[in-house]
Protein backbone atom coordinates (compact mmCIF):
# COMPACT_ATOMS: atom_id res chain seq x y z
CA UNK A 1 -84.99 -106.20 -169.44
CA UNK A 2 -86.70 -107.92 -166.56
CA UNK A 3 -84.77 -111.08 -167.40
CA UNK A 4 -81.43 -109.41 -166.50
CA UNK A 5 -79.97 -110.45 -163.20
CA UNK A 6 -79.56 -107.30 -161.00
CA UNK A 7 -76.40 -108.76 -159.44
CA UNK A 8 -74.79 -109.28 -162.83
CA UNK A 9 -72.33 -106.31 -162.49
CA UNK A 10 -71.53 -106.96 -158.86
CA UNK A 11 -70.68 -110.51 -159.71
CA UNK A 12 -68.01 -109.29 -162.10
CA UNK A 13 -65.94 -107.98 -159.09
CA UNK A 14 -64.25 -110.22 -156.60
CA UNK A 15 -64.06 -109.41 -152.92
CA UNK A 16 -60.41 -108.44 -153.31
CA UNK A 17 -61.31 -106.02 -156.11
CA UNK A 18 -64.01 -104.46 -154.01
CA UNK A 19 -61.70 -104.09 -151.04
CA UNK A 20 -59.03 -102.45 -153.22
CA UNK A 21 -61.66 -100.15 -154.67
CA UNK A 22 -62.95 -99.23 -151.23
CA UNK A 23 -59.43 -98.63 -149.92
CA UNK A 24 -58.69 -96.41 -152.91
CA UNK A 25 -61.89 -94.43 -152.38
CA UNK A 26 -61.17 -94.10 -148.68
CA UNK A 27 -57.67 -92.78 -149.47
CA UNK A 28 -59.15 -90.34 -151.97
CA UNK A 29 -61.71 -89.17 -149.44
CA UNK A 30 -59.02 -88.89 -146.76
CA UNK A 31 -56.83 -86.89 -149.14
CA UNK A 32 -59.78 -84.66 -150.06
CA UNK A 33 -60.53 -84.19 -146.36
CA UNK A 34 -56.90 -83.29 -145.66
CA UNK A 35 -56.95 -80.79 -148.53
CA UNK A 36 -60.22 -79.35 -147.22
CA UNK A 37 -58.75 -79.11 -143.70
CA UNK A 38 -55.62 -77.43 -145.11
CA UNK A 39 -57.72 -74.97 -147.10
CA UNK A 40 -59.82 -74.37 -144.03
CA UNK A 41 -56.73 -73.68 -141.94
CA UNK A 42 -55.36 -71.34 -144.60
CA UNK A 43 -58.68 -69.57 -144.76
CA UNK A 44 -58.65 -69.09 -140.98
CA UNK A 45 -55.05 -67.80 -141.14
CA UNK A 46 -56.00 -65.43 -143.93
CA UNK A 47 -58.99 -64.23 -141.93
CA UNK A 48 -56.74 -63.55 -138.93
CA UNK A 49 -54.22 -61.72 -141.15
CA UNK A 50 -57.03 -59.77 -142.75
CA UNK A 51 -58.29 -58.69 -139.34
CA UNK A 52 -54.75 -57.64 -138.37
CA UNK A 53 -54.41 -55.68 -141.62
CA UNK A 54 -57.76 -54.02 -140.98
CA UNK A 55 -56.67 -53.05 -137.45
CA UNK A 56 -53.35 -51.73 -138.78
CA UNK A 57 -55.09 -49.75 -141.51
CA UNK A 58 -57.52 -48.36 -138.97
CA UNK A 59 -54.66 -47.33 -136.67
CA UNK A 60 -52.74 -45.79 -139.57
CA UNK A 61 -55.88 -43.96 -140.66
CA UNK A 62 -56.32 -42.54 -137.15
CA UNK A 63 -52.64 -41.59 -136.97
CA UNK A 64 -52.81 -39.97 -140.39
CA UNK A 65 -55.94 -38.08 -139.43
CA UNK A 66 -54.25 -36.89 -136.22
CA UNK A 67 -51.10 -35.94 -138.13
CA UNK A 68 -53.10 -33.97 -140.70
CA UNK A 69 -54.94 -32.22 -137.86
CA UNK A 70 -51.65 -31.46 -136.09
CA UNK A 71 -49.97 -30.17 -139.25
CA UNK A 72 -53.00 -28.04 -140.05
CA UNK A 73 -52.95 -26.55 -136.56
CA UNK A 74 -49.19 -25.98 -136.84
CA UNK A 75 -49.63 -24.30 -140.21
CA UNK A 76 -52.33 -22.02 -138.81
CA UNK A 77 -50.11 -21.30 -135.82
CA UNK A 78 -47.14 -20.49 -138.06
CA UNK A 79 -49.26 -18.17 -140.19
CA UNK A 80 -50.62 -16.47 -137.09
CA UNK A 81 -47.18 -16.09 -135.52
CA UNK A 82 -45.80 -14.86 -138.83
CA UNK A 83 -48.35 -12.05 -138.92
CA UNK A 84 -47.77 -11.28 -135.23
CA UNK A 85 -44.01 -11.43 -135.79
CA UNK A 86 -44.01 -8.95 -138.65
CA UNK A 87 -46.12 -6.49 -136.67
CA UNK A 88 -44.07 -7.04 -133.49
CA UNK A 89 -40.78 -6.56 -135.34
CA UNK A 90 -41.97 -3.26 -136.77
CA UNK A 91 -43.19 -2.03 -133.38
CA UNK A 92 -40.01 -3.21 -131.62
CA UNK A 93 -37.82 -1.54 -134.23
CA UNK A 94 -39.78 1.72 -134.00
CA UNK A 95 -39.56 1.71 -130.19
CA UNK A 96 -35.88 0.82 -129.92
CA UNK A 97 -34.55 4.12 -131.31
CA UNK A 98 -36.46 6.43 -128.94
CA UNK A 99 -35.66 4.05 -126.06
CA UNK A 100 -31.95 4.36 -126.88
CA UNK A 101 -32.34 8.15 -126.80
CA UNK A 102 -34.00 7.92 -123.37
CA UNK A 103 -31.24 5.59 -122.08
CA UNK A 104 -28.39 7.77 -123.39
CA UNK A 105 -30.00 10.96 -122.11
CA UNK A 106 -30.55 9.36 -118.70
CA UNK A 107 -26.91 8.32 -118.45
CA UNK A 108 -25.67 11.78 -119.50
CA UNK A 109 -27.95 13.53 -117.00
CA UNK A 110 -26.98 11.12 -114.23
CA UNK A 111 -23.29 11.80 -114.80
CA UNK A 112 -23.90 15.56 -114.68
CA UNK A 113 -26.12 15.43 -111.60
CA UNK A 114 -24.50 12.56 -109.72
CA UNK A 115 -23.01 14.73 -106.96
CA UNK A 116 -26.26 16.67 -106.46
CA UNK A 117 -28.74 13.80 -106.23
CA UNK A 118 -30.20 13.02 -102.83
CA UNK A 119 -30.99 9.44 -101.77
CA UNK A 120 -34.61 9.60 -102.94
CA UNK A 121 -33.59 10.91 -106.37
CA UNK A 122 -30.96 8.18 -106.69
CA UNK A 123 -33.60 5.53 -105.95
CA UNK A 124 -35.90 7.02 -108.59
CA UNK A 125 -33.06 7.08 -111.10
CA UNK A 126 -32.29 3.42 -110.33
CA UNK A 127 -35.95 2.55 -110.99
CA UNK A 128 -35.72 4.42 -114.30
CA UNK A 129 -32.58 2.46 -115.26
CA UNK A 130 -34.26 -0.85 -114.37
CA UNK A 131 -37.35 0.06 -116.41
CA UNK A 132 -35.22 0.98 -119.42
CA UNK A 133 -33.22 -2.23 -119.04
CA UNK A 134 -36.40 -4.33 -118.83
CA UNK A 135 -37.90 -2.65 -121.89
CA UNK A 136 -34.67 -3.13 -123.84
CA UNK A 137 -34.63 -6.84 -122.99
CA UNK A 138 -38.24 -7.28 -124.04
CA UNK A 139 -37.61 -5.53 -127.36
CA UNK A 140 -34.57 -7.72 -127.94
CA UNK A 141 -36.67 -10.81 -127.18
CA UNK A 142 -39.15 -9.83 -129.86
CA UNK A 143 -36.46 -9.03 -132.44
CA UNK A 144 -34.49 -12.19 -131.67
CA UNK A 145 -37.62 -14.29 -132.16
CA UNK A 146 -38.80 -12.80 -135.45
CA UNK A 147 -35.42 -12.44 -137.15
CA UNK A 148 -33.48 -15.55 -138.12
CA UNK A 149 -30.41 -14.25 -139.93
CA UNK A 150 -27.90 -16.56 -141.54
CA UNK A 151 -25.42 -17.83 -138.97
CA UNK A 152 -21.87 -16.49 -139.28
CA UNK A 153 -20.02 -19.46 -137.85
CA UNK A 154 -16.42 -19.51 -136.72
CA UNK A 155 -14.39 -21.42 -134.17
CA UNK A 156 -14.78 -19.67 -130.85
CA UNK A 157 -14.25 -20.48 -127.14
CA UNK A 158 -17.43 -20.90 -125.14
CA UNK A 159 -16.03 -19.15 -122.07
CA UNK A 160 -15.52 -15.91 -124.04
CA UNK A 161 -19.14 -15.94 -125.22
CA UNK A 162 -20.35 -16.45 -121.66
CA UNK A 163 -18.03 -13.73 -120.30
CA UNK A 164 -19.41 -11.28 -122.87
CA UNK A 165 -22.98 -12.28 -121.91
CA UNK A 166 -22.20 -11.72 -118.21
CA UNK A 167 -20.95 -8.23 -119.07
CA UNK A 168 -24.32 -7.35 -120.59
CA UNK A 169 -26.49 -8.09 -117.56
CA UNK A 170 -26.96 -6.35 -114.25
CA UNK A 171 -26.11 -8.76 -111.43
CA UNK A 172 -27.17 -7.70 -107.91
CA UNK A 173 -24.38 -7.81 -105.30
CA UNK A 174 -26.10 -10.62 -103.33
CA UNK A 175 -25.91 -12.99 -106.33
CA UNK A 176 -22.66 -14.79 -107.17
CA UNK A 177 -21.92 -16.25 -110.60
CA UNK A 178 -19.44 -19.11 -110.71
CA UNK A 179 -18.04 -19.98 -114.15
CA UNK A 180 -16.30 -23.30 -114.76
CA UNK A 181 -12.56 -23.00 -115.51
CA UNK A 182 -12.98 -25.58 -118.30
CA UNK A 183 -13.57 -24.47 -121.86
CA UNK A 184 -14.55 -25.84 -125.27
CA UNK A 185 -13.96 -24.48 -128.75
CA UNK A 186 -17.09 -24.71 -130.88
CA UNK A 187 -18.14 -23.79 -134.40
CA UNK A 188 -20.79 -21.13 -133.84
CA UNK A 189 -22.08 -17.62 -134.38
CA UNK A 190 -20.78 -16.00 -131.15
CA UNK A 191 -23.17 -13.04 -131.30
CA UNK A 192 -26.25 -15.26 -131.64
CA UNK A 193 -25.13 -17.62 -128.85
CA UNK A 194 -24.35 -14.63 -126.63
CA UNK A 195 -28.04 -13.70 -126.91
CA UNK A 196 -28.94 -17.18 -125.63
CA UNK A 197 -26.72 -16.88 -122.56
CA UNK A 198 -27.91 -13.33 -121.82
CA UNK A 199 -31.50 -14.59 -121.78
CA UNK A 200 -30.69 -17.57 -119.55
CA UNK A 201 -28.62 -15.50 -117.09
CA UNK A 202 -31.28 -12.78 -116.87
CA UNK A 203 -33.87 -15.49 -116.14
CA UNK A 204 -31.62 -16.99 -113.47
CA UNK A 205 -31.11 -13.60 -111.78
CA UNK A 206 -34.86 -12.93 -111.85
CA UNK A 207 -35.58 -16.40 -110.43
CA UNK A 208 -33.39 -15.70 -107.39
CA UNK A 209 -35.11 -12.29 -107.01
CA UNK A 210 -33.87 -10.28 -104.02
CA UNK A 211 -32.46 -13.23 -102.06
CA UNK A 212 -28.86 -14.29 -101.77
CA UNK A 213 -28.07 -16.91 -104.35
CA UNK A 214 -25.66 -18.44 -106.80
CA UNK A 215 -25.61 -19.13 -110.52
CA UNK A 216 -23.25 -21.93 -111.53
CA UNK A 217 -22.11 -22.32 -115.13
CA UNK A 218 -20.41 -25.61 -116.02
CA UNK A 219 -18.70 -26.33 -119.36
CA UNK A 220 -17.92 -29.90 -120.43
CA UNK A 221 -18.27 -32.25 -123.37
CA UNK A 222 -19.95 -35.60 -124.03
CA UNK A 223 -18.07 -38.91 -123.93
CA UNK A 224 -17.59 -38.95 -127.71
CA UNK A 225 -16.26 -35.36 -127.71
CA UNK A 226 -18.82 -34.43 -130.36
CA UNK A 227 -20.85 -31.95 -128.32
CA UNK A 228 -19.93 -29.19 -125.91
CA UNK A 229 -22.28 -29.08 -122.92
CA UNK A 230 -23.12 -25.95 -120.93
CA UNK A 231 -25.29 -26.20 -117.83
CA UNK A 232 -26.59 -23.10 -116.04
CA UNK A 233 -27.93 -23.82 -112.56
CA UNK A 234 -29.50 -21.26 -110.24
CA UNK A 235 -30.69 -21.38 -106.64
CA UNK A 236 -33.95 -19.62 -107.44
CA UNK A 237 -37.55 -20.71 -107.10
CA UNK A 238 -37.33 -23.48 -109.72
CA UNK A 239 -39.76 -24.42 -112.49
CA UNK A 240 -43.10 -26.07 -111.63
CA UNK A 241 -43.35 -29.53 -113.14
CA UNK A 242 -46.46 -28.72 -115.16
CA UNK A 243 -44.59 -25.90 -116.95
CA UNK A 244 -41.46 -27.84 -117.98
CA UNK A 245 -42.98 -28.97 -121.30
CA UNK A 246 -44.26 -25.49 -122.12
CA UNK A 247 -41.50 -23.02 -121.27
CA UNK A 248 -39.97 -23.10 -124.76
CA UNK A 249 -43.32 -22.43 -126.46
CA UNK A 250 -43.76 -18.96 -127.99
CA UNK A 251 -45.67 -16.47 -125.81
CA UNK A 252 -45.68 -18.78 -122.78
CA UNK A 253 -44.43 -17.04 -119.63
CA UNK A 254 -44.94 -17.27 -115.87
CA UNK A 255 -43.56 -13.77 -115.26
CA UNK A 256 -45.70 -10.76 -114.45
CA UNK A 257 -43.82 -8.86 -117.15
CA UNK A 258 -42.24 -10.36 -120.23
CA UNK A 259 -42.92 -11.27 -123.83
CA UNK A 260 -42.81 -15.05 -123.50
CA UNK A 261 -40.40 -15.14 -126.45
CA UNK A 262 -37.01 -15.25 -124.69
CA UNK A 263 -36.70 -19.03 -124.20
CA UNK A 264 -38.39 -19.70 -127.53
CA UNK A 265 -35.70 -17.55 -129.20
CA UNK A 266 -32.99 -19.43 -127.28
CA UNK A 267 -34.35 -22.76 -128.53
CA UNK A 268 -34.49 -21.49 -132.11
CA UNK A 269 -30.90 -20.19 -132.03
CA UNK A 270 -29.51 -23.35 -130.41
CA UNK A 271 -31.32 -25.58 -132.92
CA UNK A 272 -29.92 -23.44 -135.77
CA UNK A 273 -26.50 -24.51 -134.49
CA UNK A 274 -27.53 -28.17 -134.59
CA UNK A 275 -27.82 -28.34 -130.82
CA UNK A 276 -30.44 -28.86 -128.12
CA UNK A 277 -31.60 -27.03 -125.01
CA UNK A 278 -33.46 -28.61 -122.10
CA UNK A 279 -34.71 -27.47 -118.71
CA UNK A 280 -35.12 -29.28 -115.40
CA UNK A 281 -35.93 -28.48 -111.82
CA UNK A 282 -33.11 -29.03 -109.35
CA UNK A 283 -33.85 -31.16 -106.31
CA UNK A 284 -34.60 -28.82 -103.42
CA UNK A 285 -34.84 -25.54 -105.30
CA UNK A 286 -33.63 -23.89 -108.44
CA UNK A 287 -33.53 -24.75 -112.12
CA UNK A 288 -30.96 -26.05 -114.58
CA UNK A 289 -30.77 -25.31 -118.30
CA UNK A 290 -28.53 -27.57 -120.36
CA UNK A 291 -27.30 -26.68 -123.84
CA UNK A 292 -25.53 -29.07 -126.22
CA UNK A 293 -23.69 -27.56 -129.20
CA UNK A 294 -21.60 -29.49 -131.77
CA UNK A 295 -17.85 -29.04 -131.27
CA UNK A 296 -15.87 -27.78 -134.27
CA UNK A 297 -14.72 -30.56 -136.55
CA UNK A 298 -10.95 -30.03 -136.52
CA UNK A 299 -9.51 -28.39 -133.39
CA UNK A 300 -6.00 -28.24 -134.88
CA UNK A 301 -7.08 -25.71 -137.48
CA UNK A 302 -7.71 -22.94 -134.94
CA UNK A 303 -5.03 -21.36 -132.74
CA UNK A 304 -7.65 -20.49 -130.10
CA UNK A 305 -7.71 -24.14 -129.08
CA UNK A 306 -4.86 -23.25 -126.73
CA UNK A 307 -7.53 -21.85 -124.46
CA UNK A 308 -8.82 -25.36 -123.75
């Protein structure tokens, strides 16, 4: 073996062959490097995408956890309000009958004694009437909140519902109510919507208190004529900004007396009709409640559309 020339195999290749071989190997190495760079780039992209997916999953996990917590709290709240509602409905129902007896007896006695009452007695009787009226409203708030009967919808003019609501409230002589001459026919349960407007008008009267003031009721519709819009604006004390997001929550109230269920009942009734109710403070003073209710689908089917 020692006699074999170590350059034997190298001598079998010419310079040209070696160059071609080297060029080929260089190309192969360059191609391998390009593939490695490409794989490296893909790996980096995949790592970035993986990090994004991990962030998204983490955010979704946090959102899901918060949603579960919120739904659990809502469920507990619903169960608690359900129990309170059942008890409140029973108490309200049991109190309403004797209160009606007191109210009717008071009116009968007042009619019989009207000519014989001195000024002091008349003032005391007026206080009694106001107390009965306040108690009746609070009982109605409770019953309206806990009972959600099936709506009995029919096509009905908004102005008539509001007129009926105005007839159910006591308006002091120093307060003026201005009702828009415009009207809209809507598909609704008039009795249930009347409850909404009674609540809002009573609140507006109470907001003005003993001062001179005005309550303005505007009726219009949106640009697509799909919703009737009613805005009730008063010149009262307004709604503090920190309360605007809370006033429709059950049991929330800023009044010294009240159930905190009136506006919550209004919201529930309006939403049953497929509508919305919002509140806002008016620049300067006062508050505005805006209600949107779907307009009936075919106005030509109802003869009352002549009122429009």
